[in-house]
Amino acid sequence: PTRAELRALIQQHGAELSSQLQAH
């Protein structure tokens, strides 16, 4: 993965986890 892809993946996972925790 490139640096940009890694950053985007981390941001995506953070947003998804936050969303699921809020739903929980």
mmCIF file of all heavy atoms, coordinates in Angstrom:
data_MODEL
# 
_entry.id   MODEL 
# 
loop_
_atom_site.group_PDB 
_atom_site.id 
_atom_site.type_symbol 
_atom_site.label_atom_id 
_atom_site.label_alt_id 
_atom_site.label_comp_id 
_atom_site.label_asym_id 
_atom_site.label_entity_id 
_atom_site.label_seq_id 
_atom_site.pdbx_PDB_ins_code 
_atom_site.Cartn_x 
_atom_site.Cartn_y 
_atom_site.Cartn_z 
_atom_site.occupancy 
_atom_site.B_iso_or_equiv 
_atom_site.pdbx_formal_charge 
_atom_site.auth_seq_id 
_atom_site.auth_comp_id 
_atom_site.auth_asym_id 
_atom_site.auth_atom_id 
_atom_site.pdbx_PDB_model_num 
ATOM 1   N N   . PRO A 1 1  ? 0.825   -1.208 0.000  1.00 0.00 ? 1  PRO A N   1 
ATOM 2   C CA  . PRO A 1 1  ? 0.000   0.000  0.000  1.00 0.00 ? 1  PRO A CA  1 
ATOM 3   C C   . PRO A 1 1  ? 0.855   1.251  0.000  1.00 0.00 ? 1  PRO A C   1 
ATOM 4   O O   . PRO A 1 1  ? 1.925   1.284  0.591  1.00 0.00 ? 1  PRO A O   1 
ATOM 5   C CB  . PRO A 1 1  ? -0.787  -0.116 1.314  1.00 0.00 ? 1  PRO A CB  1 
ATOM 6   C CG  . PRO A 1 1  ? 0.081   -0.958 2.183  1.00 0.00 ? 1  PRO A CG  1 
ATOM 7   C CD  . PRO A 1 1  ? 0.780   -1.915 1.275  1.00 0.00 ? 1  PRO A CD  1 
ATOM 8   N N   . THR A 1 2  ? 0.395   2.260  -0.685 1.00 0.00 ? 2  THR A N   1 
ATOM 9   C CA  . THR A 1 2  ? 1.091   3.537  -0.647 1.00 0.00 ? 2  THR A CA  1 
ATOM 10  C C   . THR A 1 2  ? 0.728   4.246  0.633  1.00 0.00 ? 2  THR A C   1 
ATOM 11  O O   . THR A 1 2  ? -0.224  3.875  1.319  1.00 0.00 ? 2  THR A O   1 
ATOM 12  C CB  . THR A 1 2  ? 0.677   4.410  -1.843 1.00 0.00 ? 2  THR A CB  1 
ATOM 13  O OG1 . THR A 1 2  ? -0.712  4.745  -1.708 1.00 0.00 ? 2  THR A OG1 1 
ATOM 14  C CG2 . THR A 1 2  ? 0.911   3.699  -3.162 1.00 0.00 ? 2  THR A CG2 1 
ATOM 15  N N   . ARG A 1 3  ? 1.463   5.311  0.966  1.00 0.00 ? 3  ARG A N   1 
ATOM 16  C CA  . ARG A 1 3  ? 1.180   6.068  2.180  1.00 0.00 ? 3  ARG A CA  1 
ATOM 17  C C   . ARG A 1 3  ? -0.232  6.641  2.144  1.00 0.00 ? 3  ARG A C   1 
ATOM 18  O O   . ARG A 1 3  ? -0.943  6.641  3.127  1.00 0.00 ? 3  ARG A O   1 
ATOM 19  C CB  . ARG A 1 3  ? 2.210   7.172  2.358  1.00 0.00 ? 3  ARG A CB  1 
ATOM 20  C CG  . ARG A 1 3  ? 3.610   6.683  2.687  1.00 0.00 ? 3  ARG A CG  1 
ATOM 21  C CD  . ARG A 1 3  ? 4.567   7.846  2.843  1.00 0.00 ? 3  ARG A CD  1 
ATOM 22  N NE  . ARG A 1 3  ? 5.936   7.392  3.014  1.00 0.00 ? 3  ARG A NE  1 
ATOM 23  C CZ  . ARG A 1 3  ? 6.485   7.098  4.169  1.00 0.00 ? 3  ARG A CZ  1 
ATOM 24  N NH1 . ARG A 1 3  ? 5.781   7.222  5.267  1.00 0.00 ? 3  ARG A NH1 1 
ATOM 25  N NH2 . ARG A 1 3  ? 7.724   6.680  4.242  1.00 0.00 ? 3  ARG A NH2 1 
ATOM 26  N N   . ALA A 1 4  ? -0.615  7.146  0.982  1.00 0.00 ? 4  ALA A N   1 
ATOM 27  C CA  . ALA A 1 4  ? -1.946  7.748  0.864  1.00 0.00 ? 4  ALA A CA  1 
ATOM 28  C C   . ALA A 1 4  ? -3.024  6.701  1.094  1.00 0.00 ? 4  ALA A C   1 
ATOM 29  O O   . ALA A 1 4  ? -4.018  6.942  1.764  1.00 0.00 ? 4  ALA A O   1 
ATOM 30  C CB  . ALA A 1 4  ? -2.114  8.394  -0.506 1.00 0.00 ? 4  ALA A CB  1 
ATOM 31  N N   . GLU A 1 5  ? -2.830  5.476  0.552  1.00 0.00 ? 5  GLU A N   1 
ATOM 32  C CA  . GLU A 1 5  ? -3.814  4.415  0.727  1.00 0.00 ? 5  GLU A CA  1 
ATOM 33  C C   . GLU A 1 5  ? -3.902  3.991  2.187  1.00 0.00 ? 5  GLU A C   1 
ATOM 34  O O   . GLU A 1 5  ? -4.984  3.714  2.691  1.00 0.00 ? 5  GLU A O   1 
ATOM 35  C CB  . GLU A 1 5  ? -3.440  3.227  -0.153 1.00 0.00 ? 5  GLU A CB  1 
ATOM 36  C CG  . GLU A 1 5  ? -3.655  3.470  -1.639 1.00 0.00 ? 5  GLU A CG  1 
ATOM 37  C CD  . GLU A 1 5  ? -3.037  2.366  -2.475 1.00 0.00 ? 5  GLU A CD  1 
ATOM 38  O OE1 . GLU A 1 5  ? -2.176  1.642  -1.939 1.00 0.00 ? 5  GLU A OE1 1 
ATOM 39  O OE2 . GLU A 1 5  ? -3.398  2.259  -3.654 1.00 0.00 ? 5  GLU A OE2 1 
ATOM 40  N N   . LEU A 1 6  ? -2.766  3.922  2.852  1.00 0.00 ? 6  LEU A N   1 
ATOM 41  C CA  . LEU A 1 6  ? -2.754  3.545  4.258  1.00 0.00 ? 6  LEU A CA  1 
ATOM 42  C C   . LEU A 1 6  ? -3.501  4.570  5.093  1.00 0.00 ? 6  LEU A C   1 
ATOM 43  O O   . LEU A 1 6  ? -4.297  4.221  5.971  1.00 0.00 ? 6  LEU A O   1 
ATOM 44  C CB  . LEU A 1 6  ? -1.310  3.406  4.744  1.00 0.00 ? 6  LEU A CB  1 
ATOM 45  C CG  . LEU A 1 6  ? -1.133  2.929  6.195  1.00 0.00 ? 6  LEU A CG  1 
ATOM 46  C CD1 . LEU A 1 6  ? -1.764  1.565  6.387  1.00 0.00 ? 6  LEU A CD1 1 
ATOM 47  C CD2 . LEU A 1 6  ? 0.342   2.895  6.570  1.00 0.00 ? 6  LEU A CD2 1 
ATOM 48  N N   . ARG A 1 7  ? -3.258  5.846  4.822  1.00 0.00 ? 7  ARG A N   1 
ATOM 49  C CA  . ARG A 1 7  ? -3.955  6.899  5.545  1.00 0.00 ? 7  ARG A CA  1 
ATOM 50  C C   . ARG A 1 7  ? -5.461  6.788  5.338  1.00 0.00 ? 7  ARG A C   1 
ATOM 51  O O   . ARG A 1 7  ? -6.252  6.887  6.279  1.00 0.00 ? 7  ARG A O   1 
ATOM 52  C CB  . ARG A 1 7  ? -3.451  8.266  5.084  1.00 0.00 ? 7  ARG A CB  1 
ATOM 53  C CG  . ARG A 1 7  ? -4.067  9.440  5.854  1.00 0.00 ? 7  ARG A CG  1 
ATOM 54  C CD  . ARG A 1 7  ? -3.536  10.761 5.388  1.00 0.00 ? 7  ARG A CD  1 
ATOM 55  N NE  . ARG A 1 7  ? -3.979  11.076 4.034  1.00 0.00 ? 7  ARG A NE  1 
ATOM 56  C CZ  . ARG A 1 7  ? -3.184  11.193 2.981  1.00 0.00 ? 7  ARG A CZ  1 
ATOM 57  N NH1 . ARG A 1 7  ? -1.869  11.001 3.123  1.00 0.00 ? 7  ARG A NH1 1 
ATOM 58  N NH2 . ARG A 1 7  ? -3.661  11.481 1.787  1.00 0.00 ? 7  ARG A NH2 1 
ATOM 59  N N   . ALA A 1 8  ? -5.862  6.575  4.085  1.00 0.00 ? 8  ALA A N   1 
ATOM 60  C CA  . ALA A 1 8  ? -7.294  6.475  3.781  1.00 0.00 ? 8  ALA A CA  1 
ATOM 61  C C   . ALA A 1 8  ? -7.915  5.264  4.462  1.00 0.00 ? 8  ALA A C   1 
ATOM 62  O O   . ALA A 1 8  ? -9.049  5.321  4.963  1.00 0.00 ? 8  ALA A O   1 
ATOM 63  C CB  . ALA A 1 8  ? -7.489  6.394  2.262  1.00 0.00 ? 8  ALA A CB  1 
ATOM 64  N N   . LEU A 1 9  ? -7.146  4.134  4.485  1.00 0.00 ? 9  LEU A N   1 
ATOM 65  C CA  . LEU A 1 9  ? -7.670  2.923  5.113  1.00 0.00 ? 9  LEU A CA  1 
ATOM 66  C C   . LEU A 1 9  ? -7.857  3.127  6.611  1.00 0.00 ? 9  LEU A C   1 
ATOM 67  O O   . LEU A 1 9  ? -8.876  2.724  7.184  1.00 0.00 ? 9  LEU A O   1 
ATOM 68  C CB  . LEU A 1 9  ? -6.703  1.759  4.862  1.00 0.00 ? 9  LEU A CB  1 
ATOM 69  C CG  . LEU A 1 9  ? -7.158  0.376  5.344  1.00 0.00 ? 9  LEU A CG  1 
ATOM 70  C CD1 . LEU A 1 9  ? -8.431  -0.046 4.622  1.00 0.00 ? 9  LEU A CD1 1 
ATOM 71  C CD2 . LEU A 1 9  ? -6.059  -0.653 5.131  1.00 0.00 ? 9  LEU A CD2 1 
ATOM 72  N N   . ILE A 1 10 ? -6.875  3.771  7.258  1.00 0.00 ? 10 ILE A N   1 
ATOM 73  C CA  . ILE A 1 10 ? -6.988  4.038  8.688  1.00 0.00 ? 10 ILE A CA  1 
ATOM 74  C C   . ILE A 1 10 ? -8.177  4.950  8.975  1.00 0.00 ? 10 ILE A C   1 
ATOM 75  O O   . ILE A 1 10 ? -8.953  4.726  9.913  1.00 0.00 ? 10 ILE A O   1 
ATOM 76  C CB  . ILE A 1 10 ? -5.675  4.664  9.212  1.00 0.00 ? 10 ILE A CB  1 
ATOM 77  C CG1 . ILE A 1 10 ? -4.552  3.602  9.227  1.00 0.00 ? 10 ILE A CG1 1 
ATOM 78  C CG2 . ILE A 1 10 ? -5.862  5.238  10.620 1.00 0.00 ? 10 ILE A CG2 1 
ATOM 79  C CD1 . ILE A 1 10 ? -3.192  4.146  9.572  1.00 0.00 ? 10 ILE A CD1 1 
ATOM 80  N N   . GLN A 1 11 ? -8.342  5.995  8.154  1.00 0.00 ? 11 GLN A N   1 
ATOM 81  C CA  . GLN A 1 11 ? -9.473  6.904  8.333  1.00 0.00 ? 11 GLN A CA  1 
ATOM 82  C C   . GLN A 1 11 ? -10.799 6.173  8.132  1.00 0.00 ? 11 GLN A C   1 
ATOM 83  O O   . GLN A 1 11 ? -11.764 6.372  8.888  1.00 0.00 ? 11 GLN A O   1 
ATOM 84  C CB  . GLN A 1 11 ? -9.360  8.071  7.357  1.00 0.00 ? 11 GLN A CB  1 
ATOM 85  C CG  . GLN A 1 11 ? -8.220  9.028  7.679  1.00 0.00 ? 11 GLN A CG  1 
ATOM 86  C CD  . GLN A 1 11 ? -7.996  10.053 6.591  1.00 0.00 ? 11 GLN A CD  1 
ATOM 87  O OE1 . GLN A 1 11 ? -8.385  9.855  5.435  1.00 0.00 ? 11 GLN A OE1 1 
ATOM 88  N NE2 . GLN A 1 11 ? -7.355  11.157 6.947  1.00 0.00 ? 11 GLN A NE2 1 
ATOM 89  N N   . GLN A 1 12 ? -10.840 5.293  7.114  1.00 0.00 ? 12 GLN A N   1 
ATOM 90  C CA  . GLN A 1 12 ? -12.062 4.533  6.837  1.00 0.00 ? 12 GLN A CA  1 
ATOM 91  C C   . GLN A 1 12 ? -12.408 3.618  8.000  1.00 0.00 ? 12 GLN A C   1 
ATOM 92  O O   . GLN A 1 12 ? -13.554 3.566  8.453  1.00 0.00 ? 12 GLN A O   1 
ATOM 93  C CB  . GLN A 1 12 ? -11.876 3.713  5.559  1.00 0.00 ? 12 GLN A CB  1 
ATOM 94  C CG  . GLN A 1 12 ? -13.073 2.804  5.236  1.00 0.00 ? 12 GLN A CG  1 
ATOM 95  C CD  . GLN A 1 12 ? -12.742 1.827  4.119  1.00 0.00 ? 12 GLN A CD  1 
ATOM 96  O OE1 . GLN A 1 12 ? -11.791 2.033  3.365  1.00 0.00 ? 12 GLN A OE1 1 
ATOM 97  N NE2 . GLN A 1 12 ? -13.522 0.759  4.015  1.00 0.00 ? 12 GLN A NE2 1 
ATOM 98  N N   . HIS A 1 13 ? -11.396 2.894  8.500  1.00 0.00 ? 13 HIS A N   1 
ATOM 99  C CA  . HIS A 1 13 ? -11.642 1.977  9.611  1.00 0.00 ? 13 HIS A CA  1 
ATOM 100 C C   . HIS A 1 13 ? -12.056 2.733  10.878 1.00 0.00 ? 13 HIS A C   1 
ATOM 101 O O   . HIS A 1 13 ? -12.926 2.272  11.627 1.00 0.00 ? 13 HIS A O   1 
ATOM 102 C CB  . HIS A 1 13 ? -10.384 1.154  9.884  1.00 0.00 ? 13 HIS A CB  1 
ATOM 103 C CG  . HIS A 1 13 ? -10.142 0.095  8.850  1.00 0.00 ? 13 HIS A CG  1 
ATOM 104 N ND1 . HIS A 1 13 ? -9.044  -0.739 8.881  1.00 0.00 ? 13 HIS A ND1 1 
ATOM 105 C CD2 . HIS A 1 13 ? -10.841 -0.264 7.749  1.00 0.00 ? 13 HIS A CD2 1 
ATOM 106 C CE1 . HIS A 1 13 ? -9.091  -1.569 7.852  1.00 0.00 ? 13 HIS A CE1 1 
ATOM 107 N NE2 . HIS A 1 13 ? -10.167 -1.290 7.142  1.00 0.00 ? 13 HIS A NE2 1 
ATOM 108 N N   . GLY A 1 14 ? -11.427 3.885  11.117 1.00 0.00 ? 14 GLY A N   1 
ATOM 109 C CA  . GLY A 1 14 ? -11.802 4.692  12.280 1.00 0.00 ? 14 GLY A CA  1 
ATOM 110 C C   . GLY A 1 14 ? -13.241 5.146  12.208 1.00 0.00 ? 14 GLY A C   1 
ATOM 111 O O   . GLY A 1 14 ? -13.987 5.078  13.195 1.00 0.00 ? 14 GLY A O   1 
ATOM 112 N N   . ALA A 1 15 ? -13.654 5.605  11.013 1.00 0.00 ? 15 ALA A N   1 
ATOM 113 C CA  . ALA A 1 15 ? -15.032 6.078  10.838 1.00 0.00 ? 15 ALA A CA  1 
ATOM 114 C C   . ALA A 1 15 ? -16.021 4.933  10.981 1.00 0.00 ? 15 ALA A C   1 
ATOM 115 O O   . ALA A 1 15 ? -17.082 5.079  11.613 1.00 0.00 ? 15 ALA A O   1 
ATOM 116 C CB  . ALA A 1 15 ? -15.172 6.743  9.469  1.00 0.00 ? 15 ALA A CB  1 
ATOM 117 N N   . GLU A 1 16 ? -15.696 3.766  10.413 1.00 0.00 ? 16 GLU A N   1 
ATOM 118 C CA  . GLU A 1 16 ? -16.604 2.622  10.489 1.00 0.00 ? 16 GLU A CA  1 
ATOM 119 C C   . GLU A 1 16 ? -16.748 2.129  11.927 1.00 0.00 ? 16 GLU A C   1 
ATOM 120 O O   . GLU A 1 16 ? -17.854 1.822  12.386 1.00 0.00 ? 16 GLU A O   1 
ATOM 121 C CB  . GLU A 1 16 ? -16.092 1.488  9.592  1.00 0.00 ? 16 GLU A CB  1 
ATOM 122 C CG  . GLU A 1 16 ? -16.257 1.764  8.093  1.00 0.00 ? 16 GLU A CG  1 
ATOM 123 C CD  . GLU A 1 16 ? -15.665 0.663  7.241  1.00 0.00 ? 16 GLU A CD  1 
ATOM 124 O OE1 . GLU A 1 16 ? -15.013 -0.250 7.817  1.00 0.00 ? 16 GLU A OE1 1 
ATOM 125 O OE2 . GLU A 1 16 ? -15.836 0.719  6.011  1.00 0.00 ? 16 GLU A OE2 1 
ATOM 126 N N   . LEU A 1 17 ? -15.602 2.051  12.625 1.00 0.00 ? 17 LEU A N   1 
ATOM 127 C CA  . LEU A 1 17 ? -15.649 1.590  14.008 1.00 0.00 ? 17 LEU A CA  1 
ATOM 128 C C   . LEU A 1 17 ? -16.448 2.549  14.871 1.00 0.00 ? 17 LEU A C   1 
ATOM 129 O O   . LEU A 1 17 ? -17.274 2.137  15.699 1.00 0.00 ? 17 LEU A O   1 
ATOM 130 C CB  . LEU A 1 17 ? -14.226 1.439  14.555 1.00 0.00 ? 17 LEU A CB  1 
ATOM 131 C CG  . LEU A 1 17 ? -14.097 0.914  15.997 1.00 0.00 ? 17 LEU A CG  1 
ATOM 132 C CD1 . LEU A 1 17 ? -14.746 -0.455 16.117 1.00 0.00 ? 17 LEU A CD1 1 
ATOM 133 C CD2 . LEU A 1 17 ? -12.634 0.846  16.410 1.00 0.00 ? 17 LEU A CD2 1 
ATOM 134 N N   . SER A 1 18 ? -16.227 3.856  14.698 1.00 0.00 ? 18 SER A N   1 
ATOM 135 C CA  . SER A 1 18 ? -16.969 4.857  15.465 1.00 0.00 ? 18 SER A CA  1 
ATOM 136 C C   . SER A 1 18 ? -18.456 4.745  15.202 1.00 0.00 ? 18 SER A C   1 
ATOM 137 O O   . SER A 1 18 ? -19.283 4.808  16.117 1.00 0.00 ? 18 SER A O   1 
ATOM 138 C CB  . SER A 1 18 ? -16.472 6.259  15.108 1.00 0.00 ? 18 SER A CB  1 
ATOM 139 O OG  . SER A 1 18 ? -17.205 7.237  15.807 1.00 0.00 ? 18 SER A OG  1 
ATOM 140 N N   . SER A 1 19 ? -18.829 4.549  13.922 1.00 0.00 ? 19 SER A N   1 
ATOM 141 C CA  . SER A 1 19 ? -20.241 4.434  13.554 1.00 0.00 ? 19 SER A CA  1 
ATOM 142 C C   . SER A 1 19 ? -20.883 3.216  14.200 1.00 0.00 ? 19 SER A C   1 
ATOM 143 O O   . SER A 1 19 ? -21.996 3.292  14.743 1.00 0.00 ? 19 SER A O   1 
ATOM 144 C CB  . SER A 1 19 ? -20.368 4.356  12.032 1.00 0.00 ? 19 SER A CB  1 
ATOM 145 O OG  . SER A 1 19 ? -21.698 4.116  11.655 1.00 0.00 ? 19 SER A OG  1 
ATOM 146 N N   . GLN A 1 20 ? -20.177 2.079  14.168 1.00 0.00 ? 20 GLN A N   1 
ATOM 147 C CA  . GLN A 1 20 ? -20.723 0.856  14.743 1.00 0.00 ? 20 GLN A CA  1 
ATOM 148 C C   . GLN A 1 20 ? -20.829 0.944  16.261 1.00 0.00 ? 20 GLN A C   1 
ATOM 149 O O   . GLN A 1 20 ? -21.794 0.440  16.861 1.00 0.00 ? 20 GLN A O   1 
ATOM 150 C CB  . GLN A 1 20 ? -19.858 -0.345 14.347 1.00 0.00 ? 20 GLN A CB  1 
ATOM 151 C CG  . GLN A 1 20 ? -19.952 -0.713 12.869 1.00 0.00 ? 20 GLN A CG  1 
ATOM 152 C CD  . GLN A 1 20 ? -21.373 -1.048 12.450 1.00 0.00 ? 20 GLN A CD  1 
ATOM 153 O OE1 . GLN A 1 20 ? -22.094 -1.755 13.146 1.00 0.00 ? 20 GLN A OE1 1 
ATOM 154 N NE2 . GLN A 1 20 ? -21.786 -0.510 11.311 1.00 0.00 ? 20 GLN A NE2 1 
ATOM 155 N N   . LEU A 1 21 ? -19.845 1.581  16.890 1.00 0.00 ? 21 LEU A N   1 
ATOM 156 C CA  . LEU A 1 21 ? -19.907 1.754  18.340 1.00 0.00 ? 21 LEU A CA  1 
ATOM 157 C C   . LEU A 1 21 ? -21.073 2.646  18.740 1.00 0.00 ? 21 LEU A C   1 
ATOM 158 O O   . LEU A 1 21 ? -21.745 2.417  19.746 1.00 0.00 ? 21 LEU A O   1 
ATOM 159 C CB  . LEU A 1 21 ? -18.592 2.333  18.865 1.00 0.00 ? 21 LEU A CB  1 
ATOM 160 C CG  . LEU A 1 21 ? -17.396 1.372  18.889 1.00 0.00 ? 21 LEU A CG  1 
ATOM 161 C CD1 . LEU A 1 21 ? -16.124 2.114  19.270 1.00 0.00 ? 21 LEU A CD1 1 
ATOM 162 C CD2 . LEU A 1 21 ? -17.644 0.213  19.853 1.00 0.00 ? 21 LEU A CD2 1 
ATOM 163 N N   . GLN A 1 22 ? -21.320 3.689  17.951 1.00 0.00 ? 22 GLN A N   1 
ATOM 164 C CA  . GLN A 1 22 ? -22.467 4.561  18.219 1.00 0.00 ? 22 GLN A CA  1 
ATOM 165 C C   . GLN A 1 22 ? -23.769 3.791  18.066 1.00 0.00 ? 22 GLN A C   1 
ATOM 166 O O   . GLN A 1 22 ? -24.698 3.952  18.861 1.00 0.00 ? 22 GLN A O   1 
ATOM 167 C CB  . GLN A 1 22 ? -22.436 5.766  17.279 1.00 0.00 ? 22 GLN A CB  1 
ATOM 168 C CG  . GLN A 1 22 ? -21.320 6.760  17.582 1.00 0.00 ? 22 GLN A CG  1 
ATOM 169 C CD  . GLN A 1 22 ? -21.352 7.958  16.653 1.00 0.00 ? 22 GLN A CD  1 
ATOM 170 O OE1 . GLN A 1 22 ? -22.405 8.370  16.195 1.00 0.00 ? 22 GLN A OE1 1 
ATOM 171 N NE2 . GLN A 1 22 ? -20.182 8.510  16.364 1.00 0.00 ? 22 GLN A NE2 1 
ATOM 172 N N   . ALA A 1 23 ? -23.839 2.934  17.034 1.00 0.00 ? 23 ALA A N   1 
ATOM 173 C CA  . ALA A 1 23 ? -25.047 2.122  16.840 1.00 0.00 ? 23 ALA A CA  1 
ATOM 174 C C   . ALA A 1 23 ? -25.232 1.157  18.002 1.00 0.00 ? 23 ALA A C   1 
ATOM 175 O O   . ALA A 1 23 ? -26.353 0.951  18.486 1.00 0.00 ? 23 ALA A O   1 
ATOM 176 C CB  . ALA A 1 23 ? -24.941 1.361  15.522 1.00 0.00 ? 23 ALA A CB  1 
ATOM 177 N N   . HIS A 1 24 ? -24.127 0.567  18.458 1.00 0.00 ? 24 HIS A N   1 
ATOM 178 C CA  . HIS A 1 24 ? -24.179 -0.338 19.606 1.00 0.00 ? 24 HIS A CA  1 
ATOM 179 C C   . HIS A 1 24 ? -24.659 0.400  20.848 1.00 0.00 ? 24 HIS A C   1 
ATOM 180 O O   . HIS A 1 24 ? -25.501 -0.100 21.599 1.00 0.00 ? 24 HIS A O   1 
ATOM 181 C CB  . HIS A 1 24 ? -22.783 -0.921 19.850 1.00 0.00 ? 24 HIS A CB  1 
ATOM 182 C CG  . HIS A 1 24 ? -22.678 -1.755 21.097 1.00 0.00 ? 24 HIS A CG  1 
ATOM 183 N ND1 . HIS A 1 24 ? -23.315 -2.962 21.240 1.00 0.00 ? 24 HIS A ND1 1 
ATOM 184 C CD2 . HIS A 1 24 ? -22.008 -1.534 22.258 1.00 0.00 ? 24 HIS A CD2 1 
ATOM 185 C CE1 . HIS A 1 24 ? -23.045 -3.464 22.437 1.00 0.00 ? 24 HIS A CE1 1 
ATOM 186 N NE2 . HIS A 1 24 ? -22.248 -2.621 23.079 1.00 0.00 ? 24 HIS A NE2 1 
# 
